[in-house]
């Protein structure tokens, strides 16, 4: 089985890949590789956002759960993006976010990502555009 590259060798998340090398290297110590198993709930609607997740090969969905218990998918995020960063220091998830396709990702404490975005205009602009 071929060995997967480490985050330092290849971010494999297209949002992170758009960062200049120096900015990515500054984030690297804060990024933790994680396994994202199918069905895992990353956030509940109205629940705290402890980490932002950058999917690598995993795919996550944000769903809105309605009063009658039905749910509707409002976003799908794969290796092009991030979940858990709502800008302006958002600390509560507006949606339930769950893993639909299991695999790997990188996570960073949400507060640390917010602080880094405040310090780094390139990162802030990239997250805001996403």
C-alpha atoms as a PDB file:
ATOM      1  CA  UNK A   1       0.000   0.000   0.000  1.00  0.00           C
ATOM      2  CA  UNK A   2       1.522   3.394  -0.949  1.00  0.00           C
ATOM      3  CA  UNK A   3       2.336   5.683   1.927  1.00  0.00           C
ATOM      4  CA  UNK A   4       0.284   8.896   2.084  1.00  0.00           C
ATOM      5  CA  UNK A   5       2.232  12.151   2.110  1.00  0.00           C
ATOM      6  CA  UNK A   6       2.315  14.031   5.380  1.00  0.00           C
ATOM      7  CA  UNK A   7       0.631  17.456   5.638  1.00  0.00           C
ATOM      8  CA  UNK A   8       4.070  19.082   5.437  1.00  0.00           C
ATOM      9  CA  UNK A   9       4.761  17.404   2.097  1.00  0.00           C
ATOM     10  CA  UNK A  10       1.417  18.068   0.437  1.00  0.00           C
ATOM     11  CA  UNK A  11      -1.585  19.786   1.994  1.00  0.00           C
ATOM     12  CA  UNK A  12      -4.000  18.057  -0.443  1.00  0.00           C
ATOM     13  CA  UNK A  13      -6.608  20.546   0.653  1.00  0.00           C
ATOM     14  CA  UNK A  14      -7.003  23.014  -2.196  1.00  0.00           C
ATOM     15  CA  UNK A  15      -7.813  25.921   0.116  1.00  0.00           C
ATOM     16  CA  UNK A  16      -4.626  25.377   2.130  1.00  0.00           C
ATOM     17  CA  UNK A  17      -2.716  24.799  -1.096  1.00  0.00           C
ATOM     18  CA  UNK A  18      -3.567  28.358  -2.186  1.00  0.00           C
ATOM     19  CA  UNK A  19      -1.648  29.818   0.753  1.00  0.00           C
ATOM     20  CA  UNK A  20       1.872  31.076   0.086  1.00  0.00           C
ATOM     21  CA  UNK A  21       4.498  28.710   1.495  1.00  0.00           C
ATOM     22  CA  UNK A  22       5.448  30.884   4.461  1.00  0.00           C
ATOM     23  CA  UNK A  23       1.824  31.240   5.589  1.00  0.00           C
ATOM     24  CA  UNK A  24       1.201  27.504   5.241  1.00  0.00           C
ATOM     25  CA  UNK A  25       4.361  26.689   7.205  1.00  0.00           C
ATOM     26  CA  UNK A  26       3.201  29.026   9.968  1.00  0.00           C
ATOM     27  CA  UNK A  27      -0.118  27.120  10.217  1.00  0.00           C
ATOM     28  CA  UNK A  28       1.481  23.691   9.982  1.00  0.00           C
ATOM     29  CA  UNK A  29       2.277  23.244  13.707  1.00  0.00           C
ATOM     30  CA  UNK A  30      -1.389  23.997  14.484  1.00  0.00           C
ATOM     31  CA  UNK A  31      -2.801  21.485  11.959  1.00  0.00           C
ATOM     32  CA  UNK A  32      -3.523  18.013  13.285  1.00  0.00           C
ATOM     33  CA  UNK A  33      -4.184  15.056  10.959  1.00  0.00           C
ATOM     34  CA  UNK A  34      -7.477  13.341  11.827  1.00  0.00           C
ATOM     35  CA  UNK A  35      -9.514  10.400  10.617  1.00  0.00           C
ATOM     36  CA  UNK A  36     -13.043  11.445   9.748  1.00  0.00           C
ATOM     37  CA  UNK A  37     -15.266   8.332   9.886  1.00  0.00           C
ATOM     38  CA  UNK A  38     -18.560   8.144   8.004  1.00  0.00           C
ATOM     39  CA  UNK A  39     -21.444   9.442  10.083  1.00  0.00           C
ATOM     40  CA  UNK A  40     -19.315  11.320  12.607  1.00  0.00           C
ATOM     41  CA  UNK A  41     -21.022  14.541  13.670  1.00  0.00           C
ATOM     42  CA  UNK A  42     -18.486  17.356  13.800  1.00  0.00           C
ATOM     43  CA  UNK A  43     -20.962  19.968  15.088  1.00  0.00           C
ATOM     44  CA  UNK A  44     -24.567  20.091  16.126  1.00  0.00           C
ATOM     45  CA  UNK A  45     -26.680  23.102  15.132  1.00  0.00           C
ATOM     46  CA  UNK A  46     -26.335  25.648  17.909  1.00  0.00           C
ATOM     47  CA  UNK A  47     -23.392  23.728  19.338  1.00  0.00           C
ATOM     48  CA  UNK A  48     -19.852  24.931  19.914  1.00  0.00           C
ATOM     49  CA  UNK A  49     -17.234  25.001  17.186  1.00  0.00           C
ATOM     50  CA  UNK A  50     -14.064  23.710  18.803  1.00  0.00           C
ATOM     51  CA  UNK A  51     -12.155  22.950  15.594  1.00  0.00           C
ATOM     52  CA  UNK A  52     -12.130  23.963  11.957  1.00  0.00           C
ATOM     53  CA  UNK A  53     -11.688  21.003   9.585  1.00  0.00           C
ATOM     54  CA  UNK A  54      -9.941  20.968   6.223  1.00  0.00           C
ATOM     55  CA  UNK A  55     -11.060  17.745   4.487  1.00  0.00           C
ATOM     56  CA  UNK A  56      -8.392  15.965   2.484  1.00  0.00           C
ATOM     57  CA  UNK A  57     -10.195  12.983   0.985  1.00  0.00           C
ATOM     58  CA  UNK A  58     -13.255  13.135   3.244  1.00  0.00           C
ATOM     59  CA  UNK A  59     -16.500  14.892   2.336  1.00  0.00           C
ATOM     60  CA  UNK A  60     -18.712  16.577   4.911  1.00  0.00           C
ATOM     61  CA  UNK A  61     -22.243  17.921   4.720  1.00  0.00           C
ATOM     62  CA  UNK A  62     -23.910  20.766   6.552  1.00  0.00           C
ATOM     63  CA  UNK A  63     -27.580  20.099   7.156  1.00  0.00           C
ATOM     64  CA  UNK A  64     -30.404  22.114   8.602  1.00  0.00           C
ATOM     65  CA  UNK A  65     -32.684  20.119  10.862  1.00  0.00           C
ATOM     66  CA  UNK A  66     -36.243  21.396  10.725  1.00  0.00           C
ATOM     67  CA  UNK A  67     -38.762  21.463  13.565  1.00  0.00           C
ATOM     68  CA  UNK A  68     -40.444  18.278  12.366  1.00  0.00           C
ATOM     69  CA  UNK A  69     -37.107  16.442  12.442  1.00  0.00           C
ATOM     70  CA  UNK A  70     -36.594  16.339   8.682  1.00  0.00           C
ATOM     71  CA  UNK A  71     -33.285  17.647   7.448  1.00  0.00           C
ATOM     72  CA  UNK A  72     -32.013  19.242   4.265  1.00  0.00           C
ATOM     73  CA  UNK A  73     -28.432  19.478   3.077  1.00  0.00           C
ATOM     74  CA  UNK A  74     -27.310  23.078   2.678  1.00  0.00           C
ATOM     75  CA  UNK A  75     -23.628  22.572   1.835  1.00  0.00           C
ATOM     76  CA  UNK A  76     -21.157  19.888   0.818  1.00  0.00           C
ATOM     77  CA  UNK A  77     -17.472  20.425   1.494  1.00  0.00           C
ATOM     78  CA  UNK A  78     -14.576  18.347   0.246  1.00  0.00           C
ATOM     79  CA  UNK A  79     -10.912  19.042  -0.297  1.00  0.00           C
ATOM     80  CA  UNK A  80     -11.701  22.466  -1.774  1.00  0.00           C
ATOM     81  CA  UNK A  81     -12.642  24.011   1.542  1.00  0.00           C
ATOM     82  CA  UNK A  82     -13.070  24.209   5.272  1.00  0.00           C
ATOM     83  CA  UNK A  83     -15.856  23.766   7.801  1.00  0.00           C
ATOM     84  CA  UNK A  84     -15.977  25.437  11.167  1.00  0.00           C
ATOM     85  CA  UNK A  85     -14.760  28.850  10.154  1.00  0.00           C
ATOM     86  CA  UNK A  86     -17.629  31.308  10.082  1.00  0.00           C
ATOM     87  CA  UNK A  87     -15.542  34.478  10.323  1.00  0.00           C
ATOM     88  CA  UNK A  88     -15.707  37.219  12.864  1.00  0.00           C
ATOM     89  CA  UNK A  89     -14.996  34.736  15.648  1.00  0.00           C
ATOM     90  CA  UNK A  90     -18.134  32.617  15.104  1.00  0.00           C
ATOM     91  CA  UNK A  91     -18.201  30.100  17.941  1.00  0.00           C
ATOM     92  CA  UNK A  92     -21.551  28.397  17.382  1.00  0.00           C
ATOM     93  CA  UNK A  93     -22.435  26.238  14.386  1.00  0.00           C
ATOM     94  CA  UNK A  94     -25.511  27.295  12.441  1.00  0.00           C
ATOM     95  CA  UNK A  95     -25.857  23.720  11.077  1.00  0.00           C
ATOM     96  CA  UNK A  96     -25.310  20.097  11.950  1.00  0.00           C
ATOM     97  CA  UNK A  97     -22.120  19.108  10.149  1.00  0.00           C
ATOM     98  CA  UNK A  98     -21.403  15.437   9.553  1.00  0.00           C
ATOM     99  CA  UNK A  99     -19.005  13.266   7.599  1.00  0.00           C
ATOM    100  CA  UNK A 100     -20.579  11.731   4.480  1.00  0.00           C
ATOM    101  CA  UNK A 101     -17.471  10.168   2.906  1.00  0.00           C
ATOM    102  CA  UNK A 102     -14.958   8.903   5.427  1.00  0.00           C
ATOM    103  CA  UNK A 103     -11.265   9.518   5.098  1.00  0.00           C
ATOM    104  CA  UNK A 104      -8.752  12.000   6.386  1.00  0.00           C
ATOM    105  CA  UNK A 105      -8.582  15.654   7.142  1.00  0.00           C
ATOM    106  CA  UNK A 106      -6.703  18.275   9.066  1.00  0.00           C
ATOM    107  CA  UNK A 107      -8.108  20.147  12.012  1.00  0.00           C
ATOM    108  CA  UNK A 108      -7.048  23.279  13.812  1.00  0.00           C
ATOM    109  CA  UNK A 109      -8.489  24.793  16.980  1.00  0.00           C
ATOM    110  CA  UNK A 110     -11.131  27.258  15.775  1.00  0.00           C
ATOM    111  CA  UNK A 111      -9.786  30.038  17.999  1.00  0.00           C
ATOM    112  CA  UNK A 112      -6.268  29.534  16.638  1.00  0.00           C
ATOM    113  CA  UNK A 113      -7.505  29.763  13.043  1.00  0.00           C
ATOM    114  CA  UNK A 114      -9.368  32.953  13.892  1.00  0.00           C
ATOM    115  CA  UNK A 115      -6.248  34.442  15.504  1.00  0.00           C
ATOM    116  CA  UNK A 116      -4.090  33.480  12.526  1.00  0.00           C
ATOM    117  CA  UNK A 117      -6.622  35.034  10.138  1.00  0.00           C
ATOM    118  CA  UNK A 118      -6.481  38.276  12.131  1.00  0.00           C
ATOM    119  CA  UNK A 119      -2.667  38.310  11.802  1.00  0.00           C
ATOM    120  CA  UNK A 120      -2.451  37.241   8.148  1.00  0.00           C
ATOM    121  CA  UNK A 121      -4.328  39.181   5.493  1.00  0.00           C
ATOM    122  CA  UNK A 122      -3.747  36.514   2.843  1.00  0.00           C
ATOM    123  CA  UNK A 123      -5.325  33.833   5.030  1.00  0.00           C
ATOM    124  CA  UNK A 124      -8.143  36.160   6.092  1.00  0.00           C
ATOM    125  CA  UNK A 125      -8.940  37.104   2.481  1.00  0.00           C
ATOM    126  CA  UNK A 126      -8.828  33.476   1.360  1.00  0.00           C
ATOM    127  CA  UNK A 127     -11.204  32.371   4.124  1.00  0.00           C
ATOM    128  CA  UNK A 128     -13.525  35.318   3.484  1.00  0.00           C
ATOM    129  CA  UNK A 129     -13.658  34.555  -0.244  1.00  0.00           C
ATOM    130  CA  UNK A 130     -14.440  30.920   0.463  1.00  0.00           C
END
